[in-house]
Structures are given as C-alpha cells and as structure tokens.
Amino acid sequence: MKIPKAEQSIASMVDGIHSMAVDVQPRGLMIGIVTKPPPSMEVRCNNITITHEQIYAADYWLVDHDRKAKGHIVSATQNRAGGGGYAEFASHNHDIDNDYTDTIIYTDTYEVGDLVTVTPIYGQDEQLYYIGQKVVKL
C-alpha cells in the first residue's frame, strides 16, 4: 500500500471536513422564538441564541415606525335626519370627492414568545440572520 503525500492527505481531510460542515449548515428558512424584544432583540433558533448584533429585520416591525399613505376617495355621507320639521333640516347627505394623505404610526413589534421566520444570510464575514414575520403553527 502506497502512503499518500502530506499535501494530498491534508487536502483530502479539508475536503471531508468541508463536506460535513456544508451538510449541517442550515440552508433556508427556519423558525425561531423571540426571547427578548427590540431594540436589544434576541431570538432562539436551533439551540442557538441570535443576538441583536446579528439580526436584520424589516423596519416596519420597530415601534414608532411610520408609513405614509395618500389617495383619493369618492363617496357620500350617510343620510341624516334633521329636526324641527323645517325643509332645510330634512334628511340629506353630502358628496365626498377628496384627495387625502395620512401617516400611520405602528405601535406593535416582536414580543417575547413570538414565533418568527429566521433566514441565514450567507457570504458575510460574520454570521447574520434576517428575522422576518411572525408566524403561527396551524
């Protein structure tokens, strides 16, 4: 039996270790549980605690995140009965045909015990995770 050179042995060993690591590395969406809410958020997933330094999340999950909306509404008020029997106070409505703008301020956020989606972010110098929406098991 011929003994391989050291370079071949080491290369073979590194390939084997790499294959094992790739096999156990999570590849895709996982489910975690929030153990600490923002701003110092922590999520427990696969027996690992993910700290806020490792987390990316959509900004709309943060308290006081605001969204702006605008549009146009065409409608009419409901009929309203008048009083005193005078014609000018008879039941009537008003047409609505207006532009509008609005700011919505979100007050909900991730809470302890929430189940959330967890997606590993690959290709970084450090292990990072995207924490997505809240989920429930049916």
C-alpha atoms as a PDB file:
ATOM      1  CA  MET A   1       0.000   0.000   0.000  1.00  0.00           C
ATOM      2  CA  LYS A   2       1.363   3.366  -1.030  1.00  0.00           C
ATOM      3  CA  ILE A   3       1.259   6.142   1.582  1.00  0.00           C
ATOM      4  CA  PRO A   4      -0.046   9.457   0.136  1.00  0.00           C
ATOM      5  CA  LYS A   5       1.964  12.645   0.348  1.00  0.00           C
ATOM      6  CA  ALA A   6       1.188  15.003   3.225  1.00  0.00           C
ATOM      7  CA  GLU A   7      -0.347  17.598   0.881  1.00  0.00           C
ATOM      8  CA  GLN A   8      -2.768  15.014  -0.512  1.00  0.00           C
ATOM      9  CA  SER A   9      -3.736  13.796   2.974  1.00  0.00           C
ATOM     10  CA  ILE A  10      -4.383  17.310   4.253  1.00  0.00           C
ATOM     11  CA  ALA A  11      -6.356  18.278   1.125  1.00  0.00           C
ATOM     12  CA  SER A  12      -8.473  15.149   1.469  1.00  0.00           C
ATOM     13  CA  MET A  13      -9.061  15.862   5.167  1.00  0.00           C
ATOM     14  CA  VAL A  14     -10.056  19.503   4.498  1.00  0.00           C
ATOM     15  CA  ASP A  15     -12.471  18.378   1.764  1.00  0.00           C
ATOM     16  CA  GLY A  16     -14.048  15.900   4.173  1.00  0.00           C
ATOM     17  CA  ILE A  17     -14.447  18.489   6.937  1.00  0.00           C
ATOM     18  CA  HIS A  18     -15.892  20.982   4.461  1.00  0.00           C
ATOM     19  CA  SER A  19     -18.434  18.412   3.235  1.00  0.00           C
ATOM     20  CA  MET A  20     -19.529  17.669   6.806  1.00  0.00           C
ATOM     21  CA  ALA A  21     -19.869  21.379   7.623  1.00  0.00           C
ATOM     22  CA  VAL A  22     -21.948  22.047   4.491  1.00  0.00           C
ATOM     23  CA  ASP A  23     -24.251  19.142   5.374  1.00  0.00           C
ATOM     24  CA  VAL A  24     -25.064  20.518   8.849  1.00  0.00           C
ATOM     25  CA  GLN A  25     -25.268  24.191   7.878  1.00  0.00           C
ATOM     26  CA  PRO A  26     -28.903  25.391   7.783  1.00  0.00           C
ATOM     27  CA  ARG A  27     -29.936  26.214   4.232  1.00  0.00           C
ATOM     28  CA  GLY A  28     -33.069  28.306   4.137  1.00  0.00           C
ATOM     29  CA  LEU A  29     -35.985  29.342   6.251  1.00  0.00           C
ATOM     30  CA  MET A  30     -36.093  28.303   9.907  1.00  0.00           C
ATOM     31  CA  ILE A  31     -38.459  29.100  12.776  1.00  0.00           C
ATOM     32  CA  GLY A  32     -37.202  30.781  15.951  1.00  0.00           C
ATOM     33  CA  ILE A  33     -38.759  32.173  19.109  1.00  0.00           C
ATOM     34  CA  VAL A  34     -38.280  35.738  20.357  1.00  0.00           C
ATOM     35  CA  THR A  35     -36.644  35.687  23.806  1.00  0.00           C
ATOM     36  CA  LYS A  36     -36.025  39.432  24.054  1.00  0.00           C
ATOM     37  CA  PRO A  37     -37.903  42.199  22.163  1.00  0.00           C
ATOM     38  CA  PRO A  38     -36.305  45.077  20.221  1.00  0.00           C
ATOM     39  CA  PRO A  39     -34.231  47.152  20.478  1.00  0.00           C
ATOM     40  CA  SER A  40     -31.888  44.546  22.077  1.00  0.00           C
ATOM     41  CA  MET A  41     -33.697  41.695  20.357  1.00  0.00           C
ATOM     42  CA  GLU A  42     -32.697  38.064  20.805  1.00  0.00           C
ATOM     43  CA  VAL A  43     -34.114  35.016  19.044  1.00  0.00           C
ATOM     44  CA  ARG A  44     -33.556  31.364  19.962  1.00  0.00           C
ATOM     45  CA  CYS A  45     -33.278  29.076  16.929  1.00  0.00           C
ATOM     46  CA  ASN A  46     -31.858  25.531  16.710  1.00  0.00           C
ATOM     47  CA  ASN A  47     -30.486  25.842  20.270  1.00  0.00           C
ATOM     48  CA  ILE A  48     -28.548  28.994  19.323  1.00  0.00           C
ATOM     49  CA  THR A  49     -29.220  32.468  20.697  1.00  0.00           C
ATOM     50  CA  ILE A  50     -29.132  35.064  17.923  1.00  0.00           C
ATOM     51  CA  THR A  51     -28.304  38.492  19.350  1.00  0.00           C
ATOM     52  CA  HIS A  52     -29.357  41.910  18.031  1.00  0.00           C
ATOM     53  CA  GLU A  53     -25.856  42.439  16.604  1.00  0.00           C
ATOM     54  CA  GLN A  54     -26.530  39.519  14.231  1.00  0.00           C
ATOM     55  CA  ILE A  55     -30.082  40.497  13.264  1.00  0.00           C
ATOM     56  CA  TYR A  56     -31.557  42.271  10.269  1.00  0.00           C
ATOM     57  CA  ALA A  57     -35.323  42.882  10.383  1.00  0.00           C
ATOM     58  CA  ALA A  58     -37.879  44.838   8.371  1.00  0.00           C
ATOM     59  CA  ASP A  59     -38.187  48.372   9.732  1.00  0.00           C
ATOM     60  CA  TYR A  60     -41.978  48.144   9.997  1.00  0.00           C
ATOM     61  CA  TRP A  61     -41.576  45.785  12.982  1.00  0.00           C
ATOM     62  CA  LEU A  62     -39.968  48.542  15.043  1.00  0.00           C
ATOM     63  CA  VAL A  63     -42.102  50.607  17.431  1.00  0.00           C
ATOM     64  CA  ASP A  64     -42.957  54.092  16.114  1.00  0.00           C
ATOM     65  CA  HIS A  65     -42.181  53.154  12.513  1.00  0.00           C
ATOM     66  CA  ASP A  66     -44.354  55.364  10.340  1.00  0.00           C
ATOM     67  CA  ARG A  67     -45.762  54.826   6.873  1.00  0.00           C
ATOM     68  CA  LYS A  68     -47.307  57.464   4.689  1.00  0.00           C
ATOM     69  CA  ALA A  69     -50.381  56.877   2.554  1.00  0.00           C
ATOM     70  CA  LYS A  70     -52.193  59.030   0.032  1.00  0.00           C
ATOM     71  CA  GLY A  71     -55.120  58.554  -2.276  1.00  0.00           C
ATOM     72  CA  HIS A  72     -58.434  59.843  -3.479  1.00  0.00           C
ATOM     73  CA  ILE A  73     -61.836  58.998  -2.033  1.00  0.00           C
ATOM     74  CA  VAL A  74     -65.201  59.301  -3.775  1.00  0.00           C
ATOM     75  CA  SER A  75     -68.209  58.586  -1.575  1.00  0.00           C
ATOM     76  CA  ALA A  76     -71.058  60.247   0.277  1.00  0.00           C
ATOM     77  CA  THR A  77     -72.012  60.732   3.896  1.00  0.00           C
ATOM     78  CA  GLN A  78     -74.926  58.751   5.281  1.00  0.00           C
ATOM     79  CA  ASN A  79     -78.338  60.322   5.260  1.00  0.00           C
ATOM     80  CA  ARG A  80     -79.042  62.185   8.458  1.00  0.00           C
ATOM     81  CA  ALA A  81     -82.433  63.235   9.684  1.00  0.00           C
ATOM     82  CA  GLY A  82     -82.918  66.883  10.522  1.00  0.00           C
ATOM     83  CA  GLY A  83     -85.019  68.400  13.223  1.00  0.00           C
ATOM     84  CA  GLY A  84     -87.960  70.714  13.749  1.00  0.00           C
ATOM     85  CA  GLY A  85     -89.761  69.795  10.521  1.00  0.00           C
ATOM     86  CA  TYR A  86     -88.098  72.583   8.522  1.00  0.00           C
ATOM     87  CA  ALA A  87     -87.137  71.810   4.915  1.00  0.00           C
ATOM     88  CA  GLU A  88     -83.554  72.986   5.398  1.00  0.00           C
ATOM     89  CA  PHE A  89     -83.129  70.308   8.082  1.00  0.00           C
ATOM     90  CA  ALA A  90     -84.672  67.418   6.090  1.00  0.00           C
ATOM     91  CA  SER A  91     -82.760  64.153   5.732  1.00  0.00           C
ATOM     92  CA  HIS A  92     -79.789  64.696   3.432  1.00  0.00           C
ATOM     93  CA  ASN A  93     -76.205  63.651   2.673  1.00  0.00           C
ATOM     94  CA  HIS A  94     -73.036  65.249   1.314  1.00  0.00           C
ATOM     95  CA  ASP A  95     -70.880  64.075  -1.591  1.00  0.00           C
ATOM     96  CA  ILE A  96     -67.232  63.353  -0.857  1.00  0.00           C
ATOM     97  CA  ASP A  97     -64.635  63.742  -3.632  1.00  0.00           C
ATOM     98  CA  ASN A  98     -61.304  64.499  -1.958  1.00  0.00           C
ATOM     99  CA  ASP A  99     -57.601  63.729  -2.027  1.00  0.00           C
ATOM    100  CA  TYR A 100     -56.144  62.602   1.281  1.00  0.00           C
ATOM    101  CA  THR A 101     -52.794  61.960   2.925  1.00  0.00           C
ATOM    102  CA  ASP A 102     -52.245  60.043   6.120  1.00  0.00           C
ATOM    103  CA  THR A 103     -49.416  58.906   8.361  1.00  0.00           C
ATOM    104  CA  ILE A 104     -49.772  55.559  10.090  1.00  0.00           C
ATOM    105  CA  ILE A 105     -47.576  55.022  13.161  1.00  0.00           C
ATOM    106  CA  TYR A 106     -47.080  51.369  14.076  1.00  0.00           C
ATOM    107  CA  THR A 107     -47.025  50.506  17.764  1.00  0.00           C
ATOM    108  CA  ASP A 108     -46.728  46.719  17.576  1.00  0.00           C
ATOM    109  CA  THR A 109     -43.417  44.897  17.446  1.00  0.00           C
ATOM    110  CA  TYR A 110     -41.902  41.499  18.112  1.00  0.00           C
ATOM    111  CA  GLU A 111     -42.799  40.244  21.597  1.00  0.00           C
ATOM    112  CA  VAL A 112     -41.301  37.559  23.829  1.00  0.00           C
ATOM    113  CA  GLY A 113     -42.732  34.199  22.795  1.00  0.00           C
ATOM    114  CA  ASP A 114     -43.485  35.166  19.178  1.00  0.00           C
ATOM    115  CA  LEU A 115     -42.577  32.553  16.585  1.00  0.00           C
ATOM    116  CA  VAL A 116     -40.674  34.217  13.730  1.00  0.00           C
ATOM    117  CA  THR A 117     -39.062  33.239  10.466  1.00  0.00           C
ATOM    118  CA  VAL A 118     -35.257  33.113  10.559  1.00  0.00           C
ATOM    119  CA  THR A 119     -33.159  33.106   7.398  1.00  0.00           C
ATOM    120  CA  PRO A 120     -29.349  32.852   7.497  1.00  0.00           C
ATOM    121  CA  ILE A 121     -27.536  35.500   5.452  1.00  0.00           C
ATOM    122  CA  TYR A 122     -24.623  33.922   3.623  1.00  0.00           C
ATOM    123  CA  GLY A 123     -21.484  35.460   2.189  1.00  0.00           C
ATOM    124  CA  GLN A 124     -20.653  37.719   5.136  1.00  0.00           C
ATOM    125  CA  ASP A 125     -17.574  37.811   7.355  1.00  0.00           C
ATOM    126  CA  GLU A 126     -19.832  37.121  10.343  1.00  0.00           C
ATOM    127  CA  GLN A 127     -22.965  35.029  10.734  1.00  0.00           C
ATOM    128  CA  LEU A 128     -26.015  37.260  10.254  1.00  0.00           C
ATOM    129  CA  TYR A 129     -29.733  36.476  10.161  1.00  0.00           C
ATOM    130  CA  TYR A 130     -32.848  38.046   8.700  1.00  0.00           C
ATOM    131  CA  ILE A 131     -35.757  37.872  11.143  1.00  0.00           C
ATOM    132  CA  GLY A 132     -38.982  38.011   9.167  1.00  0.00           C
ATOM    133  CA  GLN A 133     -42.626  37.952  10.014  1.00  0.00           C
ATOM    134  CA  LYS A 134     -44.428  36.457  12.974  1.00  0.00           C
ATOM    135  CA  VAL A 135     -45.868  33.011  12.246  1.00  0.00           C
ATOM    136  CA  VAL A 136     -48.232  30.518  13.858  1.00  0.00           C
ATOM    137  CA  LYS A 137     -48.409  26.747  13.536  1.00  0.00           C
ATOM    138  CA  LEU A 138     -51.786  25.570  12.314  1.00  0.00           C
END
